[in-house]
Amino acid sequence: MTEMSRASFECLKQRFQGVPDVDVVFDPDGQETTRLGRQYDVVLLISVIHHIPDYVGTVTTICDELLRPGGCVLTFQDPLWYPRQRAYARTISQSAYLAWRLTQGELRRGLATRWRRLRGVYDDTEPSDLVEYHVVRQGVDDHALIDLFERRFETLDVMRYFSTQSPLIQGLGGNRLPPNTFGLLAKGRVAD
C-alpha cells in the first residue's frame, strides 16, 4: 500500500510490520506505484480521488496498468459532483461543513477559504486550498468514474450517502439527509 502522508505512513508501517503480504510505501507525489512497476489485486482509495487534479486519468492508469486481471478497486468518501446535486442538498452539505468548521477554532482561516471559494479562486500557496481542491472543481464526477469502471470490470456497486466532518450532524442525519458523497466497488477487472 502507498501513503502520501508521512505520519500515516509511519503508523501503517508499524501496524503492518511483520505481515509478509503487506508492503507499506511512502509516496509523497502519488507516483511511486507507477515507478515500482508492480501490479496489484486490490486498490483501495479512501478519501483520495477528490485530491487528485486529473482523477479520471489517474484511475484509468490504476485500472489499465496497476491492477491485475480479476482485481478490484474500492473507493470511498469522495464528494458527489456539485452540479448534479439538488440545491437543497448542497445547502445542507455546506451548512453541516460550516457548522463543523466553527467548532475547529480556525474561524479566520475558514472565512478566508470560504471567500475564495465563493469567488472561484484557488490559491496553491494556501494549505486549505490544497486539501480542498475538489471544491474548486465542484466535487468528483461520479458518472465519469462509473463509466470508466463499467467498461473495465465485471461488476460495479455504487454507494451514495450523506457524510460530514461533524460527528453530531452525522449521527443525527446520516441516514436521513440527501447524499453528498459516494463510493464505488468495482470487481473482476476484465483482461485486455
Protein backbone atom coordinates (compact mmCIF):
# COMPACT_ATOMS: atom_id res chain seq x y z
CA MET A 1 0.00 0.00 0.00
CA THR A 2 1.12 3.55 -0.59
CA GLU A 3 0.58 6.56 1.64
CA MET A 4 1.28 10.22 0.88
CA SER A 5 1.18 11.43 4.49
CA ARG A 6 4.43 10.83 6.39
CA ALA A 7 2.57 10.44 9.71
CA SER A 8 0.08 7.96 8.24
CA PHE A 9 2.90 6.07 6.53
CA GLU A 10 4.74 5.68 9.85
CA CYS A 11 1.57 4.48 11.57
CA LEU A 12 0.76 1.96 8.81
CA LYS A 13 4.37 0.75 8.61
CA GLN A 14 4.29 -0.01 12.33
CA ARG A 15 0.82 -1.57 12.18
CA PHE A 16 1.74 -3.99 9.37
CA GLN A 17 5.30 -4.70 10.47
CA GLY A 18 5.88 -8.43 10.15
CA VAL A 19 2.93 -9.04 7.81
CA PRO A 20 4.62 -10.53 4.73
CA ASP A 21 1.79 -9.80 2.25
CA VAL A 22 1.64 -6.09 3.08
CA ASP A 23 4.25 -3.62 1.86
CA VAL A 24 3.77 -0.03 3.02
CA VAL A 25 5.45 2.51 0.72
CA PHE A 26 5.86 6.24 1.36
CA ASP A 27 4.58 8.01 -1.77
CA PRO A 28 4.78 11.81 -1.37
CA ASP A 29 3.96 12.62 -5.01
CA GLY A 30 1.48 9.82 -5.76
CA GLN A 31 3.67 8.28 -8.48
CA GLU A 32 5.51 5.58 -6.54
CA THR A 33 3.25 2.73 -7.67
CA THR A 34 3.97 3.56 -11.31
CA ARG A 35 7.72 3.76 -10.65
CA LEU A 36 7.69 0.39 -8.88
CA GLY A 37 6.17 -1.32 -11.93
CA ARG A 38 4.12 -3.73 -9.82
CA GLN A 39 0.58 -4.96 -10.30
CA TYR A 40 -1.97 -5.36 -7.53
CA ASP A 41 -5.04 -7.45 -6.76
CA VAL A 42 -6.82 -4.68 -4.83
CA VAL A 43 -6.57 -0.90 -4.98
CA LEU A 44 -8.20 0.98 -2.10
CA LEU A 45 -8.80 4.74 -2.46
CA ILE A 46 -10.30 6.18 0.72
CA SER A 47 -10.86 9.94 0.61
CA VAL A 48 -8.23 10.23 -2.12
CA ILE A 49 -9.75 10.78 -5.55
CA HIS A 50 -11.04 14.27 -4.82
CA HIS A 51 -7.49 15.44 -4.03
CA ILE A 52 -6.11 14.41 -7.44
CA PRO A 53 -6.34 17.09 -10.15
CA ASP A 54 -6.63 14.55 -13.02
CA TYR A 55 -8.51 11.86 -11.12
CA VAL A 56 -10.00 10.26 -14.25
CA GLY A 57 -6.53 9.87 -15.78
CA THR A 58 -5.13 8.53 -12.52
CA VAL A 59 -7.93 5.98 -12.07
CA THR A 60 -7.55 4.93 -15.72
CA THR A 61 -3.84 4.28 -15.09
CA ILE A 62 -4.66 2.33 -11.94
CA CYS A 63 -7.12 0.12 -13.83
CA ASP A 64 -5.11 -0.35 -17.02
CA GLU A 65 -1.55 -0.59 -15.67
CA LEU A 66 -1.54 -1.32 -11.94
CA LEU A 67 -4.42 -3.76 -11.45
CA ARG A 68 -4.16 -7.44 -12.30
CA PRO A 69 -6.96 -9.09 -14.31
CA GLY A 70 -9.66 -10.17 -11.87
CA GLY A 71 -8.64 -7.43 -9.43
CA CYS A 72 -10.84 -4.97 -7.53
CA VAL A 73 -10.96 -1.23 -6.86
CA LEU A 74 -12.75 0.21 -3.84
CA THR A 75 -13.24 3.95 -3.43
CA PHE A 76 -14.99 5.78 -0.60
CA GLN A 77 -15.52 9.25 0.78
CA ASP A 78 -15.42 11.40 -2.34
CA PRO A 79 -17.86 14.30 -2.83
CA LEU A 80 -20.54 13.93 -5.48
CA TRP A 81 -20.23 16.35 -8.38
CA TYR A 82 -21.98 19.54 -7.23
CA PRO A 83 -23.85 20.42 -10.47
CA ARG A 84 -25.80 17.13 -10.23
CA GLN A 85 -26.81 17.71 -6.60
CA ARG A 86 -30.07 19.47 -5.83
CA ALA A 87 -29.75 22.98 -4.39
CA TYR A 88 -31.22 21.97 -1.02
CA ALA A 89 -28.80 19.04 -0.77
CA ARG A 90 -25.79 21.34 -1.40
CA THR A 91 -27.14 23.83 1.15
CA ILE A 92 -27.46 21.10 3.79
CA SER A 93 -23.98 19.81 3.00
CA GLN A 94 -22.38 23.28 3.11
CA SER A 95 -24.24 24.18 6.31
CA ALA A 96 -23.05 20.99 8.01
CA TYR A 97 -19.48 21.75 6.94
CA LEU A 98 -19.65 25.35 8.17
CA ALA A 99 -21.18 24.24 11.49
CA TRP A 100 -18.27 21.84 11.94
CA ARG A 101 -15.70 24.46 10.84
CA LEU A 102 -16.98 26.87 13.53
CA THR A 103 -16.05 24.30 16.19
CA GLN A 104 -12.47 23.96 14.91
CA GLY A 105 -11.13 27.26 16.27
CA GLU A 106 -9.94 28.41 12.85
CA LEU A 107 -12.68 30.88 12.07
CA ARG A 108 -10.46 33.41 10.27
CA ARG A 109 -8.89 30.76 8.04
CA GLY A 110 -12.30 29.20 7.41
CA LEU A 111 -13.85 32.52 6.42
CA ALA A 112 -10.91 33.39 4.14
CA THR A 113 -11.17 29.98 2.48
CA ARG A 114 -14.91 30.35 2.05
CA TRP A 115 -14.48 33.81 0.50
CA ARG A 116 -12.03 32.35 -2.06
CA ARG A 117 -14.49 29.54 -2.84
CA LEU A 118 -17.36 31.96 -3.42
CA ARG A 119 -15.19 33.87 -5.92
CA GLY A 120 -13.93 30.66 -7.59
CA VAL A 121 -10.35 31.38 -6.55
CA TYR A 122 -7.81 28.62 -5.93
CA ASP A 123 -4.51 29.60 -4.27
CA ASP A 124 -1.89 26.84 -4.38
CA THR A 125 0.05 28.53 -1.55
CA GLU A 126 -2.85 28.05 0.88
CA PRO A 127 -2.94 24.70 2.74
CA SER A 128 -6.75 24.79 2.81
CA ASP A 129 -6.87 25.08 -0.96
CA LEU A 130 -4.51 22.16 -1.43
CA VAL A 131 -6.63 19.98 0.84
CA GLU A 132 -9.93 21.19 -0.60
CA TYR A 133 -9.00 21.21 -4.30
CA HIS A 134 -12.20 19.32 -5.09
CA VAL A 135 -14.27 22.33 -4.04
CA VAL A 136 -12.79 24.44 -6.84
CA ARG A 137 -13.71 21.89 -9.49
CA GLN A 138 -17.08 21.17 -7.83
CA GLY A 139 -16.60 17.69 -6.42
CA VAL A 140 -15.92 14.49 -8.33
CA ASP A 141 -17.82 13.42 -11.44
CA ASP A 142 -19.09 10.08 -10.21
CA HIS A 143 -20.72 9.37 -13.59
CA ALA A 144 -17.34 9.63 -15.37
CA LEU A 145 -15.85 7.11 -12.92
CA ILE A 146 -18.86 4.82 -13.20
CA ASP A 147 -18.50 4.82 -16.99
CA LEU A 148 -14.76 4.09 -16.68
CA PHE A 149 -15.35 1.17 -14.27
CA GLU A 150 -18.30 -0.32 -16.17
CA ARG A 151 -16.09 -0.73 -19.24
CA ARG A 152 -13.31 -2.47 -17.29
CA PHE A 153 -14.96 -4.63 -14.60
CA GLU A 154 -17.45 -7.48 -14.40
CA THR A 155 -19.49 -5.84 -11.63
CA LEU A 156 -19.81 -2.38 -10.10
CA ASP A 157 -21.60 -1.35 -6.92
CA VAL A 158 -22.33 2.35 -6.46
CA MET A 159 -22.96 3.73 -2.98
CA ARG A 160 -24.21 7.29 -2.47
CA TYR A 161 -24.59 8.57 1.09
CA PHE A 162 -24.50 11.65 3.31
CA SER A 163 -21.25 12.43 5.09
CA THR A 164 -19.92 15.37 7.08
CA GLN A 165 -16.99 16.08 9.40
CA SER A 166 -19.35 16.86 12.29
CA PRO A 167 -19.99 13.72 14.37
CA LEU A 168 -23.13 15.33 15.83
CA ILE A 169 -24.71 16.12 12.44
CA GLN A 170 -23.57 12.78 11.02
CA GLY A 171 -25.21 10.97 13.93
CA LEU A 172 -28.44 12.92 13.64
CA GLY A 173 -28.86 12.88 9.88
CA GLY A 174 -26.50 10.39 8.30
CA ASN A 175 -29.37 8.13 7.20
CA ARG A 176 -31.91 10.90 6.56
CA LEU A 177 -30.02 13.65 4.74
CA PRO A 178 -29.53 13.69 0.96
CA PRO A 179 -26.39 12.03 -0.44
CA ASN A 180 -23.33 14.24 -0.93
CA THR A 181 -20.64 11.57 -1.05
CA PHE A 182 -20.08 8.35 -2.94
CA GLY A 183 -18.12 5.13 -3.03
CA LEU A 184 -17.55 2.57 -5.78
CA LEU A 185 -16.71 -1.14 -5.62
CA ALA A 186 -15.50 -2.47 -8.98
CA LYS A 187 -14.87 -6.22 -9.01
CA GLY A 188 -13.40 -8.56 -11.60
CA ARG A 189 -11.04 -6.48 -13.73
CA VAL A 190 -11.54 -7.72 -17.28
CA ALA A 191 -8.31 -8.65 -19.09
CA ASP A 192 -7.48 -6.54 -22.14
